[in-house]
């Protein structure tokens, strides 16, 4: 019953305490956009570091694994965990990625890192700045249609599920995107 009595009791506040409260709320609202609020990435919590997808300033319309068959157009694989054979190229394309900022010369410049982990979760390949400067070009719209990374499966690769992590970032601006796809080697 005491709890209900607290709400029935009328309290009066001094004008100074009222102004202090208004000032505190005004400060909070003014600086709230500047406060970083960490968010839980449940995908990371559930699947570990291999499965984190991040976008900071760049968008990726669709990340997709691609298979090349000699004499045919590239095959964009829709299924989850597609199967590749030893000796095949695994291509990871980030369709319609951007917008990239322009340098004062009018050129865009992006770069990519490739990270492959094996069935045991250990890193088997890491290539930093895989484009080696080839990502410096004039993108009329600020977007690139199919930037991609390639991983060639050696004949000695063990069977199991692999993770292909591709990081693309703007060398002029601050935008970046990280995408992951898993595939199976038979």
Foldseek 3Di string as FASTA:
>chain_A
DVVVVVVVDDDDDDPVVVVVVVVVVVVCVVCVVVDDDDDDDVQCVVPNPLADKDWDQKDFPDKFKWFDDPPDDIDTDDDAAAEDEAQTKIKIWRFWMDQFDADPVQKWAKFKWKWKAAQVRHTDDIDGRVCVGVRIGHDPVSIDGIDMDIDHGHNPHDWDKMKIKMKMATPVDGTIIIHIGMYTYD
